[in-house]
Amino acid sequence: MIALDIDNFKSINDAHGHAVGDRVLNMVAGALLAGSRSFDFIARWGGEGFLCVAVNVNEDQLQAVAERLRLLVEESAYDIEGTPIRVTVSAGAALYEPEESIAQLLQHADTLLYASQSGGKNRVTFSSVDSTVS
C-alpha cells in the first residue's frame, strides 16, 4: 500500500483559492491514475491524501510503483493564466505482511508517509518488516 500526500497543498489554496486547489487535486489524481497499473486501486484519502493499493508486488515492484507515481506528479502541471502550478507528493510505501490487519497496514504506510514529509518532502519512504529506504 502506498499513502501519498500533496506537499504544501495549503499554500495552493491560500494563494489561488479552493477552485484552483480542486483542479490541482484532479491533476494529481489523473497523474496517479496514469501511473498506476490497470489492476491497482487509486483513491483519494482525506483532504490532500491519496492511497494506492498495489497488488501482486514484491518489495522492488512496490518501490518502483511508488517512485513512478511520485515522479509523474512532479512532472505534471496545472496551467492558470499561462503560469504552470506544480506540486509534489510525499509517499510511504508499506508491503503487506500476512500477520497485519488492513488498519495496521494503513497505519504503517501513514507512518512512512510522515517520515517522507519530515525527511524533506517529495520523496518515498519504503519499509518491509525490517528495513526502511528513503
N, C-alpha and C. Protein backbone atom coordinates (compact mmCIF):
# COMPACT_ATOMS: atom_id res chain seq x y z
N MET A 1 0.85 -1.17 0.00
CA MET A 1 0.00 0.00 0.00
C MET A 1 0.90 1.23 0.00
N ILE A 2 0.48 2.23 -0.76
CA ILE A 2 1.22 3.49 -0.84
C ILE A 2 0.30 4.61 -0.39
N ALA A 3 0.71 5.32 0.64
CA ALA A 3 -0.01 6.51 1.10
C ALA A 3 0.73 7.72 0.55
N LEU A 4 0.00 8.62 -0.09
CA LEU A 4 0.60 9.82 -0.69
C LEU A 4 -0.11 11.06 -0.20
N ASP A 5 0.63 12.13 -0.06
CA ASP A 5 0.07 13.40 0.39
C ASP A 5 0.70 14.51 -0.42
N ILE A 6 -0.12 15.44 -0.91
CA ILE A 6 0.42 16.57 -1.68
C ILE A 6 1.18 17.49 -0.73
N ASP A 7 2.41 17.77 -1.09
CA ASP A 7 3.26 18.64 -0.28
C ASP A 7 2.79 20.09 -0.36
N ASN A 8 2.70 20.73 0.78
CA ASN A 8 2.38 22.17 0.87
C ASN A 8 1.09 22.55 0.15
N PHE A 9 0.11 21.69 0.21
CA PHE A 9 -1.14 21.94 -0.52
C PHE A 9 -1.87 23.17 0.00
N LYS A 10 -1.80 23.44 1.28
CA LYS A 10 -2.48 24.60 1.85
C LYS A 10 -2.04 25.88 1.15
N SER A 11 -0.77 25.96 0.76
CA SER A 11 -0.28 27.17 0.10
C SER A 11 -0.94 27.37 -1.26
N ILE A 12 -1.32 26.28 -1.94
CA ILE A 12 -2.04 26.39 -3.23
C ILE A 12 -3.41 27.01 -2.97
N ASN A 13 -4.14 26.48 -1.99
CA ASN A 13 -5.46 27.03 -1.66
C ASN A 13 -5.36 28.48 -1.21
N ASP A 14 -4.36 28.79 -0.39
CA ASP A 14 -4.20 30.16 0.12
C ASP A 14 -3.87 31.14 -0.99
N ALA A 15 -3.01 30.73 -1.91
CA ALA A 15 -2.56 31.64 -2.97
C ALA A 15 -3.55 31.76 -4.12
N HIS A 16 -4.25 30.67 -4.43
CA HIS A 16 -5.07 30.65 -5.65
C HIS A 16 -6.54 30.37 -5.42
N GLY A 17 -6.92 30.00 -4.21
CA GLY A 17 -8.32 29.70 -3.92
C GLY A 17 -8.63 28.22 -4.03
N HIS A 18 -9.76 27.85 -3.47
CA HIS A 18 -10.14 26.45 -3.41
C HIS A 18 -10.52 25.87 -4.77
N ALA A 19 -11.01 26.69 -5.68
CA ALA A 19 -11.36 26.18 -7.01
C ALA A 19 -10.10 25.69 -7.73
N VAL A 20 -9.03 26.45 -7.63
CA VAL A 20 -7.76 26.01 -8.23
C VAL A 20 -7.24 24.80 -7.45
N GLY A 21 -7.37 24.83 -6.14
CA GLY A 21 -6.96 23.68 -5.34
C GLY A 21 -7.67 22.41 -5.78
N ASP A 22 -8.95 22.51 -6.07
CA ASP A 22 -9.71 21.35 -6.56
C ASP A 22 -9.17 20.86 -7.90
N ARG A 23 -8.81 21.79 -8.77
CA ARG A 23 -8.24 21.40 -10.07
C ARG A 23 -6.88 20.73 -9.91
N VAL A 24 -6.11 21.21 -8.95
CA VAL A 24 -4.82 20.58 -8.67
C VAL A 24 -5.03 19.17 -8.13
N LEU A 25 -6.02 18.99 -7.26
CA LEU A 25 -6.35 17.65 -6.79
C LEU A 25 -6.71 16.73 -7.95
N ASN A 26 -7.48 17.24 -8.90
CA ASN A 26 -7.85 16.45 -10.08
C ASN A 26 -6.62 16.14 -10.93
N MET A 27 -5.70 17.09 -11.06
CA MET A 27 -4.48 16.87 -11.81
C MET A 27 -3.65 15.75 -11.17
N VAL A 28 -3.51 15.82 -9.85
CA VAL A 28 -2.75 14.79 -9.13
C VAL A 28 -3.43 13.43 -9.29
N ALA A 29 -4.74 13.40 -9.15
CA ALA A 29 -5.48 12.13 -9.32
C ALA A 29 -5.24 11.57 -10.72
N GLY A 30 -5.26 12.43 -11.72
CA GLY A 30 -5.01 11.98 -13.10
C GLY A 30 -3.61 11.42 -13.27
N ALA A 31 -2.63 12.07 -12.67
CA ALA A 31 -1.25 11.58 -12.76
C ALA A 31 -1.13 10.23 -12.07
N LEU A 32 -1.76 10.09 -10.91
CA LEU A 32 -1.69 8.82 -10.19
C LEU A 32 -2.38 7.70 -10.97
N LEU A 33 -3.52 8.01 -11.56
CA LEU A 33 -4.21 7.01 -12.37
C LEU A 33 -3.39 6.62 -13.59
N ALA A 34 -2.75 7.60 -14.22
CA ALA A 34 -1.92 7.33 -15.40
C ALA A 34 -0.71 6.48 -15.04
N GLY A 35 -0.20 6.63 -13.83
CA GLY A 35 0.99 5.91 -13.43
C GLY A 35 0.74 4.57 -12.77
N SER A 36 -0.51 4.28 -12.49
CA SER A 36 -0.81 3.01 -11.84
C SER A 36 -1.09 1.94 -12.89
N ARG A 37 -1.02 0.72 -12.45
CA ARG A 37 -1.32 -0.40 -13.34
C ARG A 37 -2.83 -0.62 -13.36
N SER A 38 -3.33 -1.25 -14.39
CA SER A 38 -4.78 -1.39 -14.56
C SER A 38 -5.45 -2.14 -13.41
N PHE A 39 -4.71 -2.96 -12.70
CA PHE A 39 -5.30 -3.75 -11.62
C PHE A 39 -5.02 -3.17 -10.24
N ASP A 40 -4.36 -2.01 -10.16
CA ASP A 40 -4.16 -1.33 -8.89
C ASP A 40 -5.37 -0.44 -8.61
N PHE A 41 -5.47 0.03 -7.38
CA PHE A 41 -6.60 0.84 -6.96
C PHE A 41 -6.08 2.17 -6.41
N ILE A 42 -6.57 3.28 -6.96
CA ILE A 42 -6.20 4.62 -6.50
C ILE A 42 -7.45 5.28 -5.92
N ALA A 43 -7.30 5.90 -4.75
CA ALA A 43 -8.43 6.59 -4.13
C ALA A 43 -7.93 7.83 -3.39
N ARG A 44 -8.79 8.82 -3.35
CA ARG A 44 -8.49 9.98 -2.52
C ARG A 44 -8.71 9.58 -1.07
N TRP A 45 -7.81 10.03 -0.21
CA TRP A 45 -7.87 9.64 1.20
C TRP A 45 -7.67 10.90 2.02
N GLY A 46 -8.74 11.52 2.43
CA GLY A 46 -8.63 12.74 3.21
C GLY A 46 -8.46 13.95 2.30
N GLY A 47 -8.13 15.07 2.89
CA GLY A 47 -8.05 16.34 2.17
C GLY A 47 -7.17 16.33 0.95
N GLU A 48 -5.87 16.15 1.15
CA GLU A 48 -4.94 16.14 0.02
C GLU A 48 -4.17 14.84 -0.05
N GLY A 49 -4.77 13.80 0.51
CA GLY A 49 -4.13 12.50 0.54
C GLY A 49 -4.74 11.52 -0.45
N PHE A 50 -3.93 10.56 -0.86
CA PHE A 50 -4.36 9.51 -1.78
C PHE A 50 -3.78 8.19 -1.30
N LEU A 51 -4.44 7.11 -1.68
CA LEU A 51 -3.93 5.76 -1.42
C LEU A 51 -3.82 5.03 -2.74
N CYS A 52 -2.79 4.22 -2.84
CA CYS A 52 -2.65 3.29 -3.96
C CYS A 52 -2.53 1.90 -3.36
N VAL A 53 -3.46 1.04 -3.70
CA VAL A 53 -3.37 -0.35 -3.31
C VAL A 53 -2.76 -1.07 -4.51
N ALA A 54 -1.48 -1.36 -4.39
CA ALA A 54 -0.74 -2.05 -5.46
C ALA A 54 -0.75 -3.53 -5.13
N VAL A 55 -1.32 -4.32 -6.02
CA VAL A 55 -1.47 -5.75 -5.76
C VAL A 55 -0.41 -6.55 -6.51
N ASN A 56 -0.17 -7.73 -6.01
CA ASN A 56 0.77 -8.67 -6.64
C ASN A 56 2.14 -8.05 -6.85
N VAL A 57 2.69 -7.46 -5.79
CA VAL A 57 4.01 -6.82 -5.89
C VAL A 57 4.96 -7.38 -4.83
N ASN A 58 6.22 -7.38 -5.17
CA ASN A 58 7.25 -7.66 -4.17
C ASN A 58 7.83 -6.31 -3.75
N GLU A 59 8.87 -6.33 -2.92
CA GLU A 59 9.45 -5.08 -2.41
C GLU A 59 9.92 -4.16 -3.54
N ASP A 60 10.67 -4.71 -4.48
CA ASP A 60 11.21 -3.90 -5.57
C ASP A 60 10.10 -3.30 -6.42
N GLN A 61 9.08 -4.08 -6.70
CA GLN A 61 7.98 -3.59 -7.53
C GLN A 61 7.19 -2.51 -6.81
N LEU A 62 6.97 -2.68 -5.51
CA LEU A 62 6.25 -1.66 -4.74
C LEU A 62 7.04 -0.35 -4.74
N GLN A 63 8.34 -0.42 -4.54
CA GLN A 63 9.17 0.78 -4.60
C GLN A 63 9.09 1.43 -5.98
N ALA A 64 9.14 0.62 -7.03
CA ALA A 64 9.09 1.16 -8.39
C ALA A 64 7.76 1.85 -8.66
N VAL A 65 6.66 1.25 -8.23
CA VAL A 65 5.34 1.87 -8.42
C VAL A 65 5.28 3.19 -7.68
N ALA A 66 5.72 3.21 -6.42
CA ALA A 66 5.66 4.43 -5.62
C ALA A 66 6.52 5.53 -6.23
N GLU A 67 7.70 5.19 -6.68
CA GLU A 67 8.58 6.20 -7.27
C GLU A 67 8.02 6.70 -8.60
N ARG A 68 7.42 5.82 -9.40
CA ARG A 68 6.81 6.25 -10.66
C ARG A 68 5.68 7.23 -10.40
N LEU A 69 4.85 6.94 -9.39
CA LEU A 69 3.75 7.84 -9.06
C LEU A 69 4.28 9.20 -8.61
N ARG A 70 5.30 9.19 -7.77
CA ARG A 70 5.89 10.44 -7.28
C ARG A 70 6.42 11.27 -8.45
N LEU A 71 7.14 10.63 -9.35
CA LEU A 71 7.72 11.36 -10.49
C LEU A 71 6.64 11.91 -11.43
N LEU A 72 5.59 11.14 -11.67
CA LEU A 72 4.53 11.62 -12.56
C LEU A 72 3.83 12.85 -12.00
N VAL A 73 3.61 12.87 -10.70
CA VAL A 73 3.01 14.06 -10.09
C VAL A 73 3.98 15.24 -10.22
N GLU A 74 5.25 15.01 -9.93
CA GLU A 74 6.25 16.07 -10.01
C GLU A 74 6.32 16.68 -11.41
N GLU A 75 6.13 15.86 -12.43
CA GLU A 75 6.23 16.32 -13.82
C GLU A 75 4.93 16.93 -14.34
N SER A 76 3.85 16.82 -13.60
CA SER A 76 2.56 17.35 -14.03
C SER A 76 2.44 18.82 -13.65
N ALA A 77 1.56 19.51 -14.37
CA ALA A 77 1.32 20.92 -14.06
C ALA A 77 -0.12 21.28 -14.41
N TYR A 78 -0.66 22.20 -13.65
CA TYR A 78 -1.96 22.78 -13.96
C TYR A 78 -1.70 24.22 -14.37
N ASP A 79 -2.18 24.58 -15.56
CA ASP A 79 -1.92 25.90 -16.10
C ASP A 79 -3.01 26.87 -15.67
N ILE A 80 -2.60 27.97 -15.05
CA ILE A 80 -3.53 29.03 -14.67
C ILE A 80 -3.01 30.33 -15.27
N GLU A 81 -3.74 30.79 -16.25
CA GLU A 81 -3.41 32.05 -16.94
C GLU A 81 -1.96 32.06 -17.41
N GLY A 82 -1.52 30.96 -18.02
CA GLY A 82 -0.18 30.87 -18.58
C GLY A 82 0.91 30.52 -17.60
N THR A 83 0.55 30.37 -16.34
CA THR A 83 1.54 30.01 -15.33
C THR A 83 1.27 28.59 -14.84
N PRO A 84 2.26 27.72 -14.99
CA PRO A 84 2.04 26.34 -14.52
C PRO A 84 2.13 26.27 -13.00
N ILE A 85 1.19 25.57 -12.42
CA ILE A 85 1.24 25.28 -10.98
C ILE A 85 1.68 23.83 -10.86
N ARG A 86 2.77 23.64 -10.15
CA ARG A 86 3.32 22.29 -9.96
C ARG A 86 3.29 21.95 -8.48
N VAL A 87 3.08 20.69 -8.21
CA VAL A 87 3.12 20.20 -6.84
C VAL A 87 3.95 18.92 -6.81
N THR A 88 4.31 18.53 -5.62
CA THR A 88 4.99 17.26 -5.41
C THR A 88 4.20 16.47 -4.36
N VAL A 89 4.54 15.21 -4.24
CA VAL A 89 3.93 14.38 -3.21
C VAL A 89 5.01 13.69 -2.39
N SER A 90 4.68 13.47 -1.15
CA SER A 90 5.47 12.61 -0.29
C SER A 90 4.70 11.30 -0.19
N ALA A 91 5.45 10.20 -0.06
CA ALA A 91 4.78 8.90 -0.04
C ALA A 91 5.41 7.96 0.97
N GLY A 92 4.57 7.09 1.48
CA GLY A 92 5.02 5.98 2.32
C GLY A 92 4.51 4.69 1.72
N ALA A 93 5.44 3.77 1.44
CA ALA A 93 5.08 2.51 0.79
C ALA A 93 5.34 1.35 1.74
N ALA A 94 4.28 0.66 2.12
CA ALA A 94 4.38 -0.45 3.06
C ALA A 94 3.92 -1.74 2.38
N LEU A 95 4.76 -2.73 2.45
CA LEU A 95 4.43 -4.04 1.90
C LEU A 95 3.56 -4.80 2.90
N TYR A 96 2.48 -5.36 2.43
CA TYR A 96 1.57 -6.11 3.29
C TYR A 96 2.25 -7.35 3.85
N GLU A 97 2.09 -7.54 5.13
CA GLU A 97 2.58 -8.74 5.81
C GLU A 97 1.36 -9.53 6.28
N PRO A 98 1.37 -10.85 6.11
CA PRO A 98 0.18 -11.67 6.42
C PRO A 98 -0.36 -11.49 7.84
N GLU A 99 0.50 -11.16 8.79
CA GLU A 99 0.01 -11.02 10.17
C GLU A 99 -0.63 -9.65 10.43
N GLU A 100 -0.56 -8.74 9.46
CA GLU A 100 -1.12 -7.40 9.63
C GLU A 100 -2.60 -7.35 9.28
N SER A 101 -3.32 -6.52 10.00
CA SER A 101 -4.68 -6.19 9.60
C SER A 101 -4.60 -5.04 8.58
N ILE A 102 -5.70 -4.76 7.93
CA ILE A 102 -5.73 -3.64 7.00
C ILE A 102 -5.47 -2.34 7.75
N ALA A 103 -6.02 -2.20 8.94
CA ALA A 103 -5.79 -1.00 9.75
C ALA A 103 -4.31 -0.85 10.08
N GLN A 104 -3.64 -1.94 10.39
CA GLN A 104 -2.20 -1.87 10.68
C GLN A 104 -1.40 -1.51 9.44
N LEU A 105 -1.79 -2.06 8.29
CA LEU A 105 -1.11 -1.72 7.04
C LEU A 105 -1.28 -0.23 6.72
N LEU A 106 -2.49 0.29 6.90
CA LEU A 106 -2.72 1.72 6.69
C LEU A 106 -1.87 2.56 7.63
N GLN A 107 -1.82 2.18 8.89
CA GLN A 107 -1.01 2.91 9.86
C GLN A 107 0.47 2.85 9.50
N HIS A 108 0.93 1.71 9.06
CA HIS A 108 2.33 1.54 8.65
C HIS A 108 2.66 2.47 7.48
N ALA A 109 1.81 2.47 6.45
CA ALA A 109 2.02 3.34 5.29
C ALA A 109 1.96 4.81 5.69
N ASP A 110 1.05 5.15 6.58
CA ASP A 110 0.91 6.53 7.05
C ASP A 110 2.15 6.98 7.83
N THR A 111 2.68 6.10 8.67
CA THR A 111 3.90 6.42 9.42
C THR A 111 5.07 6.67 8.46
N LEU A 112 5.15 5.86 7.42
CA LEU A 112 6.22 6.05 6.42
C LEU A 112 6.01 7.34 5.63
N LEU A 113 4.75 7.68 5.36
CA LEU A 113 4.45 8.95 4.69
C LEU A 113 4.96 10.12 5.54
N TYR A 114 4.70 10.09 6.84
CA TYR A 114 5.19 11.16 7.71
C TYR A 114 6.71 11.21 7.74
N ALA A 115 7.36 10.07 7.62
CA ALA A 115 8.83 10.05 7.55
C ALA A 115 9.30 10.75 6.28
N SER A 116 8.59 10.55 5.18
CA SER A 116 8.94 11.25 3.93
C SER A 116 8.75 12.75 4.07
N GLN A 117 7.66 13.15 4.71
CA GLN A 117 7.41 14.58 4.89
C GLN A 117 8.45 15.21 5.78
N SER A 118 8.78 14.57 6.88
CA SER A 118 9.77 15.16 7.78
C SER A 118 11.19 15.01 7.25
N GLY A 119 11.37 14.14 6.27
CA GLY A 119 12.69 13.96 5.67
C GLY A 119 12.98 14.89 4.52
N GLY A 120 12.06 15.81 4.23
CA GLY A 120 12.32 16.78 3.18
C GLY A 120 11.25 16.88 2.11
N LYS A 121 10.27 16.02 2.11
CA LYS A 121 9.16 16.01 1.16
C LYS A 121 9.63 15.59 -0.23
N ASN A 122 8.66 15.37 -1.13
CA ASN A 122 8.92 14.94 -2.50
C ASN A 122 9.82 13.71 -2.52
N ARG A 123 9.45 12.72 -1.72
CA ARG A 123 10.24 11.50 -1.63
C ARG A 123 9.35 10.34 -1.23
N VAL A 124 9.88 9.14 -1.39
CA VAL A 124 9.19 7.92 -1.00
C VAL A 124 10.00 7.27 0.12
N THR A 125 9.33 6.88 1.17
CA THR A 125 9.96 6.06 2.21
C THR A 125 9.30 4.70 2.15
N PHE A 126 10.11 3.69 2.05
CA PHE A 126 9.65 2.32 1.89
C PHE A 126 10.06 1.50 3.09
N SER A 127 9.21 0.54 3.45
CA SER A 127 9.59 -0.36 4.53
C SER A 127 8.91 -1.69 4.36
N SER A 128 9.67 -2.73 4.57
CA SER A 128 9.09 -4.04 4.78
C SER A 128 9.22 -4.29 6.28
N VAL A 129 9.25 -5.48 6.71
CA VAL A 129 9.26 -5.76 8.15
C VAL A 129 10.46 -5.14 8.84
N ASP A 130 11.65 -5.20 8.24
CA ASP A 130 12.83 -4.77 8.97
C ASP A 130 13.73 -3.80 8.21
N SER A 131 13.19 -3.09 7.22
CA SER A 131 14.05 -2.15 6.51
C SER A 131 13.28 -0.91 6.09
N THR A 132 13.96 0.22 6.06
CA THR A 132 13.40 1.45 5.56
C THR A 132 14.41 2.07 4.61
N VAL A 133 13.95 2.43 3.43
CA VAL A 133 14.81 3.06 2.43
C VAL A 133 14.14 4.35 2.01
N SER A 134 14.87 5.43 2.03
CA SER A 134 14.33 6.72 1.58
C SER A 134 15.02 7.13 0.31
